[in-house]
């Protein structure tokens, strides 16, 4: 049990894996992309909770020592409903903390429909700074654009302009990328939002939380050999491989698995 388990609905959670690799270079990682059942963001709380429970059970069977839920929708909807046996981190709180420390007072949250419905980010942000003004915007087309590999082209930019318009009209100063797929859209979002608006990605924040949590629990690796990273998916596709190589800077081997 010397591996960190990470899961997301698709390829977006690899942005968290990349941050974990930078922050914890000696730790091995097992990544599960539930590509057969994405997107999570348009599904009900019961369905997302069921999927999340099965994903955590899969990682537990593989012997991980801790779990990172690299999915905002699962973090918002499922984690409060689950009894967990391993140290587990979601991405909502670290992202909210980073945004609260960044903003001048007006935050826009870009997220999936389910995460917006959960009100998880506004609640977390207002606990930290009750005076904040928080506006949320569901962006259901962003995940399929990323999974298709269309995350930095004119189609993505047109969609981003439509989604961001009401937030820009409201003069937000910070945008929370409330889905781990969204950092891949950062170049487009930065062009549309302009340099005066900060983009907050929770990946680095969650990596810091995991590092602190492992140290506190005495679960840091004592391995001297290089770490071993393994990548599993519930549906194989070339797009995942292509985007994974872009995020991680290397080609990855994928294992097809069933999560039942």
Protein backbone atom coordinates (compact mmCIF):
# COMPACT_ATOMS: atom_id res chain seq x y z
CA UNK A 1 0.00 0.00 0.00
CA UNK A 2 2.35 2.69 -1.23
CA UNK A 3 0.32 4.22 -4.05
CA UNK A 4 -1.99 7.23 -4.25
CA UNK A 5 -5.27 6.50 -6.04
CA UNK A 6 -6.75 9.27 -8.19
CA UNK A 7 -9.96 9.20 -10.19
CA UNK A 8 -12.00 11.43 -12.46
CA UNK A 9 -14.75 10.90 -15.00
CA UNK A 10 -12.28 11.31 -17.86
CA UNK A 11 -8.96 12.81 -18.85
CA UNK A 12 -9.27 16.08 -16.93
CA UNK A 13 -8.11 14.61 -13.63
CA UNK A 14 -4.68 14.12 -15.15
CA UNK A 15 -4.13 17.84 -14.47
CA UNK A 16 -4.22 16.83 -10.80
CA UNK A 17 -1.88 13.90 -11.47
CA UNK A 18 0.59 16.29 -13.11
CA UNK A 19 0.47 18.55 -10.04
CA UNK A 20 0.93 15.56 -7.71
CA UNK A 21 3.94 14.38 -9.73
CA UNK A 22 5.55 17.82 -9.38
CA UNK A 23 4.81 18.13 -5.66
CA UNK A 24 5.38 14.48 -4.66
CA UNK A 25 7.92 13.12 -7.15
CA UNK A 26 8.61 9.94 -5.17
CA UNK A 27 4.98 8.83 -4.84
CA UNK A 28 3.46 6.20 -7.13
CA UNK A 29 0.03 6.98 -8.59
CA UNK A 30 -2.82 4.81 -9.86
CA UNK A 31 -5.21 6.84 -12.03
CA UNK A 32 -8.72 5.74 -12.95
CA UNK A 33 -10.57 7.57 -15.72
CA UNK A 34 -14.24 6.54 -15.80
CA UNK A 35 -14.46 7.31 -19.50
CA UNK A 36 -17.33 4.89 -20.15
CA UNK A 37 -19.67 6.91 -17.92
CA UNK A 38 -18.63 10.52 -18.47
CA UNK A 39 -19.73 13.23 -18.19
CA UNK A 40 -20.67 13.19 -14.50
CA UNK A 41 -21.75 16.82 -14.55
CA UNK A 42 -25.16 16.22 -16.10
CA UNK A 43 -26.10 13.29 -13.84
CA UNK A 44 -28.07 13.10 -10.61
CA UNK A 45 -26.57 13.13 -7.12
CA UNK A 46 -27.55 9.48 -6.58
CA UNK A 47 -25.89 8.39 -9.82
CA UNK A 48 -22.69 10.35 -9.17
CA UNK A 49 -22.55 8.96 -5.63
CA UNK A 50 -22.96 5.40 -6.91
CA UNK A 51 -20.22 5.86 -9.51
CA UNK A 52 -17.92 7.45 -6.96
CA UNK A 53 -18.43 4.63 -4.45
CA UNK A 54 -17.57 2.04 -7.11
CA UNK A 55 -14.48 3.98 -8.21
CA UNK A 56 -13.21 4.25 -4.64
CA UNK A 57 -13.85 0.53 -4.09
CA UNK A 58 -11.86 -0.25 -7.26
CA UNK A 59 -8.91 1.79 -6.02
CA UNK A 60 -9.14 0.18 -2.58
CA UNK A 61 -9.03 -3.29 -4.16
CA UNK A 62 -5.86 -2.23 -5.97
CA UNK A 63 -4.31 -1.48 -2.59
CA UNK A 64 -3.94 2.31 -2.63
CA UNK A 65 -3.05 4.10 0.62
CA UNK A 66 -5.08 7.25 -0.07
CA UNK A 67 -7.60 8.58 -2.59
CA UNK A 68 -7.82 11.88 -4.45
CA UNK A 69 -11.23 12.61 -5.97
CA UNK A 70 -10.01 14.67 -8.95
CA UNK A 71 -13.56 15.48 -10.03
CA UNK A 72 -15.41 18.56 -8.83
CA UNK A 73 -18.82 17.00 -9.42
CA UNK A 74 -17.98 13.89 -7.39
CA UNK A 75 -16.31 16.01 -4.71
CA UNK A 76 -19.40 18.20 -4.40
CA UNK A 77 -22.15 15.59 -4.67
CA UNK A 78 -20.72 12.26 -3.55
CA UNK A 79 -18.10 12.81 -0.86
CA UNK A 80 -20.57 14.15 1.74
CA UNK A 81 -22.63 10.94 1.30
CA UNK A 82 -19.86 8.35 1.61
CA UNK A 83 -18.22 6.59 4.53
CA UNK A 84 -14.57 6.29 3.55
CA UNK A 85 -11.90 4.00 4.98
CA UNK A 86 -8.81 5.71 3.57
CA UNK A 87 -7.53 9.29 3.70
CA UNK A 88 -9.45 11.04 0.94
CA UNK A 89 -9.27 14.51 -0.57
CA UNK A 90 -11.72 16.28 -2.85
CA UNK A 91 -10.96 19.34 -4.95
CA UNK A 92 -13.62 21.81 -3.76
CA UNK A 93 -12.07 23.08 -0.53
CA UNK A 94 -8.50 23.55 -1.86
CA UNK A 95 -9.83 25.36 -4.91
CA UNK A 96 -12.06 27.59 -2.78
CA UNK A 97 -9.17 28.44 -0.46
CA UNK A 98 -6.97 29.45 -3.37
CA UNK A 99 -9.74 31.55 -4.93
CA UNK A 100 -10.57 33.28 -1.65
CA UNK A 101 -6.91 34.20 -1.26
CA UNK A 102 -6.73 35.51 -4.84
CA UNK A 103 -9.88 37.55 -5.37
CA UNK A 104 -10.51 41.22 -4.71
CA UNK A 105 -14.11 40.39 -3.86
CA UNK A 106 -16.08 39.15 -6.87
CA UNK A 107 -15.69 35.53 -8.05
CA UNK A 108 -17.14 33.69 -11.01
CA UNK A 109 -17.35 29.90 -10.76
CA UNK A 110 -17.25 27.88 -13.98
CA UNK A 111 -18.46 24.34 -13.33
CA UNK A 112 -20.64 21.47 -14.49
CA UNK A 113 -24.39 21.60 -14.10
CA UNK A 114 -24.30 19.23 -11.12
CA UNK A 115 -21.57 21.16 -9.31
CA UNK A 116 -23.45 24.43 -9.82
CA UNK A 117 -26.67 22.84 -8.51
CA UNK A 118 -24.83 21.62 -5.42
CA UNK A 119 -23.82 25.20 -4.50
CA UNK A 120 -20.59 23.67 -3.15
CA UNK A 121 -18.23 26.42 -4.28
CA UNK A 122 -20.30 29.39 -3.06
CA UNK A 123 -20.77 27.69 0.32
CA UNK A 124 -17.05 26.95 0.65
CA UNK A 125 -16.05 30.44 -0.47
CA UNK A 126 -18.51 32.23 1.82
CA UNK A 127 -17.34 30.18 4.80
CA UNK A 128 -13.88 31.55 4.14
CA UNK A 129 -14.88 35.14 3.31
CA UNK A 130 -18.55 35.97 3.99
CA UNK A 131 -18.28 39.33 2.21
CA UNK A 132 -17.52 37.77 -1.19
CA UNK A 133 -19.88 38.02 -4.14
CA UNK A 134 -19.98 34.67 -5.94
CA UNK A 135 -21.65 34.03 -9.30
CA UNK A 136 -21.81 30.53 -10.77
CA UNK A 137 -22.11 29.51 -14.41
CA UNK A 138 -22.79 25.97 -15.66
CA UNK A 139 -20.69 25.13 -18.73
CA UNK A 140 -21.94 21.71 -19.91
CA UNK A 141 -20.18 21.83 -23.31
CA UNK A 142 -16.69 22.30 -21.89
CA UNK A 143 -16.09 18.66 -20.87
CA UNK A 144 -17.05 17.14 -24.23
CA UNK A 145 -14.93 19.77 -26.00
CA UNK A 146 -11.92 18.75 -23.94
CA UNK A 147 -12.57 15.03 -24.33
CA UNK A 148 -12.84 15.57 -28.10
CA UNK A 149 -9.52 17.42 -28.09
CA UNK A 150 -11.13 20.73 -29.19
CA UNK A 151 -9.90 22.71 -26.20
CA UNK A 152 -7.88 25.41 -27.97
CA UNK A 153 -9.65 26.26 -31.21
CA UNK A 154 -12.30 28.61 -32.55
CA UNK A 155 -15.18 26.36 -31.47
CA UNK A 156 -14.01 26.37 -27.85
CA UNK A 157 -13.54 30.14 -27.98
CA UNK A 158 -17.06 30.76 -29.28
CA UNK A 159 -18.52 28.56 -26.53
CA UNK A 160 -16.36 30.25 -23.90
CA UNK A 161 -17.50 33.72 -25.00
CA UNK A 162 -21.13 32.66 -24.61
CA UNK A 163 -20.60 31.14 -21.17
CA UNK A 164 -18.41 33.91 -19.78
CA UNK A 165 -20.49 36.86 -21.03
CA UNK A 166 -22.74 37.27 -17.94
CA UNK A 167 -19.78 36.87 -15.57
CA UNK A 168 -17.72 39.46 -17.45
CA UNK A 169 -20.74 41.78 -17.50
CA UNK A 170 -20.90 41.38 -13.70
CA UNK A 171 -17.22 42.42 -13.53
CA UNK A 172 -15.84 39.39 -11.72
CA UNK A 173 -12.12 39.64 -10.98
CA UNK A 174 -11.44 35.91 -10.50
CA UNK A 175 -12.67 32.81 -12.33
CA UNK A 176 -12.61 29.44 -10.58
CA UNK A 177 -12.06 26.55 -12.99
CA UNK A 178 -14.52 24.33 -11.14
CA UNK A 179 -13.88 21.16 -13.13
CA UNK A 180 -10.54 19.41 -13.63
CA UNK A 181 -11.14 19.36 -17.39
CA UNK A 182 -11.22 23.15 -17.52
CA UNK A 183 -7.48 23.89 -17.06
CA UNK A 184 -7.02 22.53 -20.58
CA UNK A 185 -9.22 25.40 -21.73
CA UNK A 186 -7.13 27.95 -19.84
CA UNK A 187 -5.56 29.54 -22.96
CA UNK A 188 -9.01 30.11 -24.46
CA UNK A 189 -10.49 31.30 -21.17
CA UNK A 190 -7.60 33.71 -20.63
CA UNK A 191 -8.07 35.22 -24.11
CA UNK A 192 -11.81 35.65 -23.55
CA UNK A 193 -11.56 36.94 -19.96
CA UNK A 194 -8.58 39.22 -20.48
CA UNK A 195 -5.45 39.74 -18.38
CA UNK A 196 -7.24 41.58 -15.59
CA UNK A 197 -9.10 38.41 -14.48
CA UNK A 198 -7.29 35.70 -12.50
CA UNK A 199 -7.91 32.05 -13.37
CA UNK A 200 -7.83 29.68 -10.38
CA UNK A 201 -7.02 26.01 -10.99
CA UNK A 202 -7.33 23.78 -7.93
CA UNK A 203 -4.78 21.19 -9.11
CA UNK A 204 -1.76 22.72 -7.36
CA UNK A 205 -3.82 23.46 -4.25
CA UNK A 206 -5.01 19.85 -3.96
CA UNK A 207 -1.44 18.60 -4.43
CA UNK A 208 -0.35 20.72 -1.45
CA UNK A 209 -3.24 19.36 0.63
CA UNK A 210 -2.33 15.76 -0.22
CA UNK A 211 1.33 16.34 0.60
CA UNK A 212 0.43 17.80 4.00
CA UNK A 213 -2.10 15.05 4.69
CA UNK A 214 0.28 12.21 3.86
CA UNK A 215 2.96 13.74 6.07
CA UNK A 216 0.53 14.22 8.96
CA UNK A 217 -0.69 10.61 8.69
CA UNK A 218 2.81 9.16 8.37
CA UNK A 219 1.97 7.84 4.90
CA UNK A 220 4.80 9.42 2.92
CA UNK A 221 6.67 6.87 0.84
CA UNK A 222 10.03 5.63 2.01
CA UNK A 223 10.74 4.05 -1.36
CA UNK A 224 14.17 4.76 -2.82
CA UNK A 225 13.37 3.32 -6.27
CA UNK A 226 11.59 5.43 -8.93
CA UNK A 227 7.81 5.71 -8.57
CA UNK A 228 5.47 3.63 -10.70
CA UNK A 229 2.49 5.35 -12.34
CA UNK A 230 -0.37 3.31 -13.78
CA UNK A 231 -3.35 4.52 -15.79
CA UNK A 232 -6.67 2.67 -16.09
CA UNK A 233 -9.79 3.64 -18.02
CA UNK A 234 -13.27 2.16 -18.31
CA UNK A 235 -13.34 2.82 -22.07
CA UNK A 236 -10.32 3.03 -24.37
CA UNK A 237 -10.05 5.83 -26.91
CA UNK A 238 -7.29 7.57 -28.85
CA UNK A 239 -8.39 11.00 -27.67
CA UNK A 240 -7.58 10.10 -24.06
CA UNK A 241 -4.07 9.00 -25.03
CA UNK A 242 -3.47 12.15 -27.07
CA UNK A 243 -4.64 14.56 -24.37
CA UNK A 244 -2.89 12.59 -21.62
CA UNK A 245 0.40 12.97 -23.50
CA UNK A 246 -0.17 16.72 -23.71
CA UNK A 247 -0.94 17.04 -19.97
CA UNK A 248 1.81 14.76 -18.69
CA UNK A 249 4.44 15.43 -21.33
CA UNK A 250 4.84 11.75 -22.19
CA UNK A 251 2.99 8.82 -23.73
CA UNK A 252 1.09 6.59 -21.30
CA UNK A 253 0.00 2.98 -21.42
CA UNK A 254 -3.68 2.44 -20.63
CA UNK A 255 -5.32 -0.54 -18.96
CA UNK A 256 -8.98 -1.17 -19.77
CA UNK A 257 -10.90 -2.08 -16.63
CA UNK A 258 -14.49 -2.72 -15.59
CA UNK A 259 -15.71 -0.92 -12.49
CA UNK A 260 -18.78 -2.70 -11.17
